C-alpha atoms as a PDB file:
ATOM      1  CA  UNK A   1      15.228  13.836  14.813  1.00  0.00           C
ATOM      2  CA  UNK A   2      11.772  13.816  13.203  1.00  0.00           C
ATOM      3  CA  UNK A   3      11.355  11.951   9.909  1.00  0.00           C
ATOM      4  CA  UNK A   4       8.161  12.191   7.808  1.00  0.00           C
ATOM      5  CA  UNK A   5       6.441   8.816   7.640  1.00  0.00           C
ATOM      6  CA  UNK A   6       3.754   7.612   5.221  1.00  0.00           C
ATOM      7  CA  UNK A   7       2.350   4.104   5.158  1.00  0.00           C
ATOM      8  CA  UNK A   8       0.893   3.105   1.795  1.00  0.00           C
ATOM      9  CA  UNK A   9      -0.963   0.023   0.579  1.00  0.00           C
ATOM     10  CA  UNK A  10       0.575  -0.530  -2.870  1.00  0.00           C
ATOM     11  CA  UNK A  11      -1.055  -2.454  -5.717  1.00  0.00           C
ATOM     12  CA  UNK A  12      -4.358  -1.868  -3.947  1.00  0.00           C
ATOM     13  CA  UNK A  13      -7.612  -0.233  -4.990  1.00  0.00           C
ATOM     14  CA  UNK A  14      -8.828  -0.108  -1.382  1.00  0.00           C
ATOM     15  CA  UNK A  15      -7.366  -0.038   2.112  1.00  0.00           C
ATOM     16  CA  UNK A  16      -6.033  -3.229   3.700  1.00  0.00           C
ATOM     17  CA  UNK A  17      -5.292  -4.862   0.348  1.00  0.00           C
ATOM     18  CA  UNK A  18      -2.085  -5.078  -1.639  1.00  0.00           C
ATOM     19  CA  UNK A  19       1.280  -4.716   0.075  1.00  0.00           C
ATOM     20  CA  UNK A  20       1.985  -2.134   2.792  1.00  0.00           C
ATOM     21  CA  UNK A  21       5.185  -0.098   2.683  1.00  0.00           C
ATOM     22  CA  UNK A  22       6.601   2.781   4.691  1.00  0.00           C
ATOM     23  CA  UNK A  23       8.022   5.743   2.780  1.00  0.00           C
ATOM     24  CA  UNK A  24      10.435   8.000   4.658  1.00  0.00           C
ATOM     25  CA  UNK A  25      12.091  11.028   2.997  1.00  0.00           C
ATOM     26  CA  UNK A  26      15.476  12.077   4.399  1.00  0.00           C
ATOM     27  CA  UNK A  27      17.627  15.134   3.778  1.00  0.00           C
ATOM     28  CA  UNK A  28      20.756  12.945   3.791  1.00  0.00           C
ATOM     29  CA  UNK A  29      21.586   9.295   4.338  1.00  0.00           C
ATOM     30  CA  UNK A  30      21.714   7.905   7.826  1.00  0.00           C
ATOM     31  CA  UNK A  31      24.105   5.039   8.530  1.00  0.00           C
ATOM     32  CA  UNK A  32      22.968   1.608   7.331  1.00  0.00           C
ATOM     33  CA  UNK A  33      22.548   0.199  10.832  1.00  0.00           C
ATOM     34  CA  UNK A  34      20.102   2.990  11.725  1.00  0.00           C
ATOM     35  CA  UNK A  35      18.150   2.491   8.496  1.00  0.00           C
ATOM     36  CA  UNK A  36      17.807  -1.221   9.272  1.00  0.00           C
ATOM     37  CA  UNK A  37      16.713  -0.509  12.852  1.00  0.00           C
ATOM     38  CA  UNK A  38      14.020   1.862  11.560  1.00  0.00           C
ATOM     39  CA  UNK A  39      12.803  -0.860   9.183  1.00  0.00           C
ATOM     40  CA  UNK A  40      12.686  -3.335  12.068  1.00  0.00           C
ATOM     41  CA  UNK A  41      10.706  -0.832  14.150  1.00  0.00           C
ATOM     42  CA  UNK A  42       8.249  -0.249  11.285  1.00  0.00           C
ATOM     43  CA  UNK A  43       7.809  -4.037  10.986  1.00  0.00           C
ATOM     44  CA  UNK A  44       6.535  -3.880   7.399  1.00  0.00           C
ATOM     45  CA  UNK A  45       7.760  -5.955   4.479  1.00  0.00           C
ATOM     46  CA  UNK A  46       9.620  -2.880   3.190  1.00  0.00           C
ATOM     47  CA  UNK A  47      10.625   0.591   4.298  1.00  0.00           C
ATOM     48  CA  UNK A  48      11.681   2.924   1.461  1.00  0.00           C
ATOM     49  CA  UNK A  49      14.092   5.777   2.166  1.00  0.00           C
ATOM     50  CA  UNK A  50      14.396   8.748  -0.213  1.00  0.00           C
ATOM     51  CA  UNK A  51      17.132  11.377  -0.459  1.00  0.00           C
ATOM     52  CA  UNK A  52      17.197  14.181  -3.076  1.00  0.00           C
ATOM     53  CA  UNK A  53      19.469  13.093  -5.933  1.00  0.00           C
ATOM     54  CA  UNK A  54      22.386  15.371  -6.760  1.00  0.00           C
ATOM     55  CA  UNK A  55      23.750  13.377  -9.717  1.00  0.00           C
ATOM     56  CA  UNK A  56      21.327  14.795 -12.295  1.00  0.00           C
ATOM     57  CA  UNK A  57      20.195  11.272 -13.252  1.00  0.00           C
ATOM     58  CA  UNK A  58      16.998  11.274 -11.203  1.00  0.00           C
ATOM     59  CA  UNK A  59      14.876  13.203  -8.734  1.00  0.00           C
ATOM     60  CA  UNK A  60      15.666  11.056  -5.693  1.00  0.00           C
ATOM     61  CA  UNK A  61      17.946   8.306  -4.533  1.00  0.00           C
ATOM     62  CA  UNK A  62      15.969   5.310  -3.266  1.00  0.00           C
ATOM     63  CA  UNK A  63      16.860   2.395  -0.985  1.00  0.00           C
ATOM     64  CA  UNK A  64      14.683  -0.376   0.473  1.00  0.00           C
ATOM     65  CA  UNK A  65      15.026  -2.282   3.742  1.00  0.00           C
ATOM     66  CA  UNK A  66      13.081  -5.273   5.045  1.00  0.00           C
ATOM     67  CA  UNK A  67      13.239  -5.993   8.783  1.00  0.00           C
ATOM     68  CA  UNK A  68      16.104  -8.337   7.923  1.00  0.00           C
ATOM     69  CA  UNK A  69      18.270  -6.640   5.276  1.00  0.00           C
ATOM     70  CA  UNK A  70      18.611  -4.154   2.437  1.00  0.00           C
ATOM     71  CA  UNK A  71      17.298  -5.545  -0.874  1.00  0.00           C
ATOM     72  CA  UNK A  72      18.392  -5.062  -4.491  1.00  0.00           C
ATOM     73  CA  UNK A  73      14.937  -4.163  -5.819  1.00  0.00           C
ATOM     74  CA  UNK A  74      11.487  -3.639  -4.344  1.00  0.00           C
ATOM     75  CA  UNK A  75       8.603  -2.874  -6.663  1.00  0.00           C
ATOM     76  CA  UNK A  76       5.760  -2.179  -4.262  1.00  0.00           C
ATOM     77  CA  UNK A  77       7.810   0.229  -2.125  1.00  0.00           C
ATOM     78  CA  UNK A  78       8.934   2.017  -5.312  1.00  0.00           C
ATOM     79  CA  UNK A  79       5.288   2.358  -6.344  1.00  0.00           C
ATOM     80  CA  UNK A  80       4.462   3.625  -2.842  1.00  0.00           C
ATOM     81  CA  UNK A  81       7.332   6.135  -3.039  1.00  0.00           C
ATOM     82  CA  UNK A  82       6.057   7.406  -6.378  1.00  0.00           C
ATOM     83  CA  UNK A  83       2.583   7.742  -4.892  1.00  0.00           C
ATOM     84  CA  UNK A  84       3.900   9.818  -1.969  1.00  0.00           C
ATOM     85  CA  UNK A  85       5.934  12.149  -4.201  1.00  0.00           C
ATOM     86  CA  UNK A  86       3.225  12.594  -6.845  1.00  0.00           C
ATOM     87  CA  UNK A  87       0.459  13.061  -4.254  1.00  0.00           C
ATOM     88  CA  UNK A  88       2.411  15.935  -2.737  1.00  0.00           C
ATOM     89  CA  UNK A  89       2.881  17.660  -6.128  1.00  0.00           C
ATOM     90  CA  UNK A  90      -0.253  17.368  -8.262  1.00  0.00           C
ATOM     91  CA  UNK A  91       1.375  19.208 -11.198  1.00  0.00           C
ATOM     92  CA  UNK A  92       4.032  16.553 -11.532  1.00  0.00           C
ATOM     93  CA  UNK A  93       3.451  13.734 -14.058  1.00  0.00           C
ATOM     94  CA  UNK A  94       6.261  11.380 -13.047  1.00  0.00           C
ATOM     95  CA  UNK A  95       9.203  10.875 -10.707  1.00  0.00           C
ATOM     96  CA  UNK A  96      12.537   9.116 -11.222  1.00  0.00           C
ATOM     97  CA  UNK A  97      14.513   7.230  -8.589  1.00  0.00           C
ATOM     98  CA  UNK A  98      18.202   6.330  -8.768  1.00  0.00           C
ATOM     99  CA  UNK A  99      18.935   3.025  -7.033  1.00  0.00           C
ATOM    100  CA  UNK A 100      22.133   1.223  -6.133  1.00  0.00           C
ATOM    101  CA  UNK A 101      21.503  -2.140  -7.817  1.00  0.00           C
ATOM    102  CA  UNK A 102      18.519  -1.699 -10.164  1.00  0.00           C
ATOM    103  CA  UNK A 103      19.372   1.439 -12.119  1.00  0.00           C
ATOM    104  CA  UNK A 104      16.987   4.366 -12.541  1.00  0.00           C
ATOM    105  CA  UNK A 105      13.295   3.561 -11.962  1.00  0.00           C
ATOM    106  CA  UNK A 106      10.304   5.690 -12.907  1.00  0.00           C
ATOM    107  CA  UNK A 107       6.759   5.994 -11.581  1.00  0.00           C
ATOM    108  CA  UNK A 108       4.276   7.941 -13.743  1.00  0.00           C
ATOM    109  CA  UNK A 109       0.616   8.828 -13.416  1.00  0.00           C
ATOM    110  CA  UNK A 110      -1.747   6.570 -15.350  1.00  0.00           C
ATOM    111  CA  UNK A 111      -5.314   7.715 -14.674  1.00  0.00           C
ATOM    112  CA  UNK A 112      -6.122   6.896 -11.053  1.00  0.00           C
ATOM    113  CA  UNK A 113      -3.297   4.351 -11.093  1.00  0.00           C
ATOM    114  CA  UNK A 114       0.436   4.538 -11.665  1.00  0.00           C
ATOM    115  CA  UNK A 115       2.729   2.935 -14.227  1.00  0.00           C
ATOM    116  CA  UNK A 116       6.075   1.829 -12.821  1.00  0.00           C
ATOM    117  CA  UNK A 117       9.042   0.849 -14.986  1.00  0.00           C
ATOM    118  CA  UNK A 118      11.417  -1.764 -13.547  1.00  0.00           C
ATOM    119  CA  UNK A 119      14.346  -3.569 -15.179  1.00  0.00           C
ATOM    120  CA  UNK A 120      13.358  -6.740 -17.055  1.00  0.00           C
ATOM    121  CA  UNK A 121      15.285  -9.448 -15.213  1.00  0.00           C
ATOM    122  CA  UNK A 122      14.711 -12.430 -17.503  1.00  0.00           C
ATOM    123  CA  UNK A 123      15.436 -15.697 -15.650  1.00  0.00           C
ATOM    124  CA  UNK A 124      17.259 -18.696 -17.090  1.00  0.00           C
ATOM    125  CA  UNK A 125      16.514 -22.394 -16.640  1.00  0.00           C
ATOM    126  CA  UNK A 126      18.285 -23.956 -13.672  1.00  0.00           C
ATOM    127  CA  UNK A 127      17.631 -26.983 -11.446  1.00  0.00           C
ATOM    128  CA  UNK A 128      16.565 -25.873  -7.959  1.00  0.00           C
ATOM    129  CA  UNK A 129      16.108 -29.162  -6.086  1.00  0.00           C
ATOM    130  CA  UNK A 130      16.494 -27.803  -2.540  1.00  0.00           C
ATOM    131  CA  UNK A 131      14.012 -24.986  -3.151  1.00  0.00           C
ATOM    132  CA  UNK A 132      11.513 -27.356  -4.767  1.00  0.00           C
ATOM    133  CA  UNK A 133      11.862 -29.747  -1.821  1.00  0.00           C
ATOM    134  CA  UNK A 134      11.236 -26.904   0.654  1.00  0.00           C
ATOM    135  CA  UNK A 135       8.097 -25.818  -1.191  1.00  0.00           C
ATOM    136  CA  UNK A 136       6.570 -29.279  -0.590  1.00  0.00           C
ATOM    137  CA  UNK A 137       4.596 -29.267  -3.842  1.00  0.00           C
ATOM    138  CA  UNK A 138       2.669 -32.324  -5.059  1.00  0.00           C
ATOM    139  CA  UNK A 139       4.542 -34.871  -7.166  1.00  0.00           C
ATOM    140  CA  UNK A 140       4.517 -33.838 -10.811  1.00  0.00           C
ATOM    141  CA  UNK A 141       3.371 -30.276 -10.129  1.00  0.00           C
ATOM    142  CA  UNK A 142       6.621 -28.552 -11.111  1.00  0.00           C
ATOM    143  CA  UNK A 143       6.930 -27.826 -14.828  1.00  0.00           C
ATOM    144  CA  UNK A 144      10.026 -25.593 -14.880  1.00  0.00           C
ATOM    145  CA  UNK A 145      12.515 -24.031 -12.496  1.00  0.00           C
ATOM    146  CA  UNK A 146      14.334 -20.807 -13.391  1.00  0.00           C
ATOM    147  CA  UNK A 147      16.816 -18.492 -11.730  1.00  0.00           C
ATOM    148  CA  UNK A 148      17.969 -14.876 -11.856  1.00  0.00           C
ATOM    149  CA  UNK A 149      21.334 -14.018 -10.357  1.00  0.00           C
ATOM    150  CA  UNK A 150      19.904 -11.253  -8.150  1.00  0.00           C
ATOM    151  CA  UNK A 151      18.580 -14.133  -6.026  1.00  0.00           C
ATOM    152  CA  UNK A 152      15.198 -14.846  -7.619  1.00  0.00           C
ATOM    153  CA  UNK A 153      13.946 -18.428  -7.959  1.00  0.00           C
ATOM    154  CA  UNK A 154      10.931 -19.006 -10.223  1.00  0.00           C
ATOM    155  CA  UNK A 155       9.133 -22.338  -9.842  1.00  0.00           C
ATOM    156  CA  UNK A 156       6.425 -22.809 -12.480  1.00  0.00           C
ATOM    157  CA  UNK A 157       3.663 -25.277 -11.606  1.00  0.00           C
ATOM    158  CA  UNK A 158       0.743 -26.660 -13.568  1.00  0.00           C
ATOM    159  CA  UNK A 159      -2.260 -24.740 -12.244  1.00  0.00           C
ATOM    160  CA  UNK A 160      -3.606 -22.057  -9.913  1.00  0.00           C
ATOM    161  CA  UNK A 161      -4.827 -24.511  -7.270  1.00  0.00           C
ATOM    162  CA  UNK A 162      -1.267 -25.756  -6.752  1.00  0.00           C
ATOM    163  CA  UNK A 163      -0.101 -22.156  -6.255  1.00  0.00           C
ATOM    164  CA  UNK A 164      -2.842 -21.422  -3.733  1.00  0.00           C
ATOM    165  CA  UNK A 165      -2.367 -24.697  -1.840  1.00  0.00           C
ATOM    166  CA  UNK A 166       1.424 -24.368  -1.595  1.00  0.00           C
ATOM    167  CA  UNK A 167       2.481 -24.670   2.081  1.00  0.00           C
ATOM    168  CA  UNK A 168       6.277 -24.279   2.201  1.00  0.00           C
ATOM    169  CA  UNK A 169       8.556 -25.396   5.003  1.00  0.00           C
ATOM    170  CA  UNK A 170       9.982 -21.965   5.877  1.00  0.00           C
ATOM    171  CA  UNK A 171      12.593 -23.482   8.212  1.00  0.00           C
ATOM    172  CA  UNK A 172      13.950 -25.466   5.270  1.00  0.00           C
ATOM    173  CA  UNK A 173      13.889 -22.530   2.818  1.00  0.00           C
ATOM    174  CA  UNK A 174      15.353 -19.764   4.997  1.00  0.00           C
ATOM    175  CA  UNK A 175      18.896 -21.233   5.342  1.00  0.00           C
ATOM    176  CA  UNK A 176      19.268 -21.766   1.581  1.00  0.00           C
ATOM    177  CA  UNK A 177      20.173 -18.116   0.985  1.00  0.00           C
ATOM    178  CA  UNK A 178      18.752 -14.590   0.682  1.00  0.00           C
ATOM    179  CA  UNK A 179      16.358 -15.646  -2.048  1.00  0.00           C
ATOM    180  CA  UNK A 180      13.017 -14.439  -3.363  1.00  0.00           C
ATOM    181  CA  UNK A 181      11.129 -17.656  -4.108  1.00  0.00           C
ATOM    182  CA  UNK A 182       8.270 -17.389  -6.612  1.00  0.00           C
ATOM    183  CA  UNK A 183       5.671 -20.070  -7.320  1.00  0.00           C
ATOM    184  CA  UNK A 184       3.614 -19.274 -10.429  1.00  0.00           C
ATOM    185  CA  UNK A 185       1.133 -20.810 -12.861  1.00  0.00           C
ATOM    186  CA  UNK A 186      -1.392 -19.792 -15.513  1.00  0.00           C
ATOM    187  CA  UNK A 187      -4.290 -18.112 -13.715  1.00  0.00           C
ATOM    188  CA  UNK A 188      -7.962 -18.981 -13.915  1.00  0.00           C
ATOM    189  CA  UNK A 189      -9.121 -15.347 -14.245  1.00  0.00           C
ATOM    190  CA  UNK A 190      -5.743 -13.691 -14.927  1.00  0.00           C
ATOM    191  CA  UNK A 191      -2.842 -14.643 -17.169  1.00  0.00           C
ATOM    192  CA  UNK A 192      -0.499 -15.243 -14.231  1.00  0.00           C
ATOM    193  CA  UNK A 193      -1.130 -16.220 -10.630  1.00  0.00           C
ATOM    194  CA  UNK A 194       1.722 -16.343  -8.133  1.00  0.00           C
ATOM    195  CA  UNK A 195       2.844 -16.363  -4.523  1.00  0.00           C
ATOM    196  CA  UNK A 196       6.186 -15.159  -3.193  1.00  0.00           C
ATOM    197  CA  UNK A 197       8.130 -16.436  -0.168  1.00  0.00           C
ATOM    198  CA  UNK A 198      11.135 -14.639   1.355  1.00  0.00           C
ATOM    199  CA  UNK A 199      11.850 -16.259   4.749  1.00  0.00           C
ATOM    200  CA  UNK A 200      15.548 -15.324   4.650  1.00  0.00           C
ATOM    201  CA  UNK A 201      14.476 -11.650   4.864  1.00  0.00           C
ATOM    202  CA  UNK A 202      12.264 -12.276   7.923  1.00  0.00           C
ATOM    203  CA  UNK A 203       9.132 -12.273   5.726  1.00  0.00           C
ATOM    204  CA  UNK A 204       7.545 -15.671   5.219  1.00  0.00           C
ATOM    205  CA  UNK A 205       5.144 -14.568   2.468  1.00  0.00           C
ATOM    206  CA  UNK A 206       5.201 -11.205   0.714  1.00  0.00           C
ATOM    207  CA  UNK A 207       1.691  -9.920  -0.102  1.00  0.00           C
ATOM    208  CA  UNK A 208       2.401  -8.370  -3.547  1.00  0.00           C
ATOM    209  CA  UNK A 209       5.881  -8.294  -5.061  1.00  0.00           C
ATOM    210  CA  UNK A 210       6.688  -5.955  -7.943  1.00  0.00           C
ATOM    211  CA  UNK A 211      10.250  -7.227  -8.327  1.00  0.00           C
ATOM    212  CA  UNK A 212       9.003 -10.813  -8.723  1.00  0.00           C
ATOM    213  CA  UNK A 213       7.009  -9.638 -11.744  1.00  0.00           C
ATOM    214  CA  UNK A 214      10.167  -8.023 -13.146  1.00  0.00           C
ATOM    215  CA  UNK A 215      11.460 -11.609 -13.272  1.00  0.00           C
ATOM    216  CA  UNK A 216       8.215 -13.346 -14.258  1.00  0.00           C
ATOM    217  CA  UNK A 217       6.979 -11.067 -17.053  1.00  0.00           C
ATOM    218  CA  UNK A 218       9.870 -11.785 -19.486  1.00  0.00           C
ATOM    219  CA  UNK A 219       9.271 -15.516 -18.977  1.00  0.00           C
ATOM    220  CA  UNK A 220       5.503 -15.310 -19.443  1.00  0.00           C
ATOM    221  CA  UNK A 221       5.787 -12.931 -22.412  1.00  0.00           C
ATOM    222  CA  UNK A 222       7.775 -15.588 -24.244  1.00  0.00           C
ATOM    223  CA  UNK A 223       5.498 -18.418 -23.117  1.00  0.00           C
ATOM    224  CA  UNK A 224       2.260 -16.591 -23.967  1.00  0.00           C
ATOM    225  CA  UNK A 225       3.605 -15.015 -27.145  1.00  0.00           C
ATOM    226  CA  UNK A 226       2.574 -11.464 -26.194  1.00  0.00           C
ATOM    227  CA  UNK A 227       3.951  -8.535 -24.238  1.00  0.00           C
ATOM    228  CA  UNK A 228       0.846  -7.595 -22.192  1.00  0.00           C
ATOM    229  CA  UNK A 229      -0.703  -9.675 -19.446  1.00  0.00           C
ATOM    230  CA  UNK A 230      -2.679  -9.521 -16.221  1.00  0.00           C
ATOM    231  CA  UNK A 231      -1.422 -10.916 -12.929  1.00  0.00           C
ATOM    232  CA  UNK A 232      -2.752 -11.734  -9.485  1.00  0.00           C
ATOM    233  CA  UNK A 233      -0.610 -12.449  -6.431  1.00  0.00           C
ATOM    234  CA  UNK A 234      -2.670 -14.851  -4.347  1.00  0.00           C
ATOM    235  CA  UNK A 235      -1.546 -13.909  -0.845  1.00  0.00           C
ATOM    236  CA  UNK A 236      -4.000 -13.387   2.015  1.00  0.00           C
ATOM    237  CA  UNK A 237      -4.191  -9.664   1.139  1.00  0.00           C
ATOM    238  CA  UNK A 238      -3.976 -10.218  -2.618  1.00  0.00           C
ATOM    239  CA  UNK A 239      -2.984  -7.789  -5.336  1.00  0.00           C
ATOM    240  CA  UNK A 240      -3.712  -7.269  -9.047  1.00  0.00           C
ATOM    241  CA  UNK A 241      -1.189  -5.973 -11.554  1.00  0.00           C
ATOM    242  CA  UNK A 242      -1.321  -4.993 -15.207  1.00  0.00           C
ATOM    243  CA  UNK A 243       1.981  -5.959 -16.809  1.00  0.00           C
ATOM    244  CA  UNK A 244       3.740  -5.285 -20.075  1.00  0.00           C
ATOM    245  CA  UNK A 245       7.216  -5.896 -21.455  1.00  0.00           C
ATOM    246  CA  UNK A 246       8.832  -2.910 -23.199  1.00  0.00           C
ATOM    247  CA  UNK A 247      12.329  -3.788 -24.365  1.00  0.00           C
ATOM    248  CA  UNK A 248      14.543  -4.019 -21.302  1.00  0.00           C
ATOM    249  CA  UNK A 249      11.777  -2.686 -19.004  1.00  0.00           C
ATOM    250  CA  UNK A 250       8.830  -4.322 -17.290  1.00  0.00           C
ATOM    251  CA  UNK A 251       6.017  -1.814 -16.754  1.00  0.00           C
ATOM    252  CA  UNK A 252       3.617  -2.604 -13.919  1.00  0.00           C
ATOM    253  CA  UNK A 253       0.334  -0.796 -13.394  1.00  0.00           C
ATOM    254  CA  UNK A 254      -1.327  -0.480 -10.013  1.00  0.00           C
ATOM    255  CA  UNK A 255      -3.059   1.824  -7.574  1.00  0.00           C
ATOM    256  CA  UNK A 256      -2.062   2.949  -4.081  1.00  0.00           C
ATOM    257  CA  UNK A 257      -3.936   3.934  -0.918  1.00  0.00           C
ATOM    258  CA  UNK A 258      -2.407   6.096   1.838  1.00  0.00           C
ATOM    259  CA  UNK A 259      -3.112   4.574   5.259  1.00  0.00           C
ATOM    260  CA  UNK A 260      -1.038   6.591   7.741  1.00  0.00           C
ATOM    261  CA  UNK A 261       0.700   9.971   7.592  1.00  0.00           C
ATOM    262  CA  UNK A 262       2.798  11.080  10.518  1.00  0.00           C
ATOM    263  CA  UNK A 263       6.263  11.530  11.967  1.00  0.00           C
ATOM    264  CA  UNK A 264       8.845   9.004  13.075  1.00  0.00           C
ATOM    265  CA  UNK A 265      10.781  10.290  16.088  1.00  0.00           C
ATOM    266  CA  UNK A 266      14.354   9.031  15.957  1.00  0.00           C
ATOM    267  CA  UNK A 267      15.985   9.263  19.410  1.00  0.00           C
END
């Protein structure tokens, strides 16, 4: 069985930046075990699988797999999927994806970039002592800890240097649960700077995480008193995002670069 395969650097203006994702269109769903094995073989932070949607709600169904598990929401692989679909049909202005846990998502053209609408998953204040201990942050660095029930932990620290210097104990964090752990602060040249750790999904640090911004943007919109902001995810690859809050949606702007186009041969 031959499956089209495109590898895309999402939230990137040039190759080898942002977050890589594989996008693989299918004619029908394969079993979950096979989808996970393909994601393991691809060995990227996410593999996105698309199937034409027959419900009338969207253009495609969309699911995302890390090498460790299926996830509830993945922003960068959604952006990459939109890039693949829209690049193949230049007359098309947008594409809609129906997902299993995050509703219907849309990616639309926005100049040479794309605008992607994700659900606004506003977090609530919650003590997270085990996560804070595993992050090994300096004494007094943590200002707030927040939680979203989809498994997102947001740890807000004082400044960008503390975000960049964060050196978590992944062996301590991984057993805590299938969590997306975000460390964020006001940025020096952007409104928000963050890093994201997901060791329970076999990814120690995610390069650029759209879904983390679906959680962060509602928090920062309230803190900053405005609905538009810039963000930088300070991983080794790095990625810049333009963010805005629109009602129950977080809209993220970013570019994509196609790296590989080919065929995956499934035995």
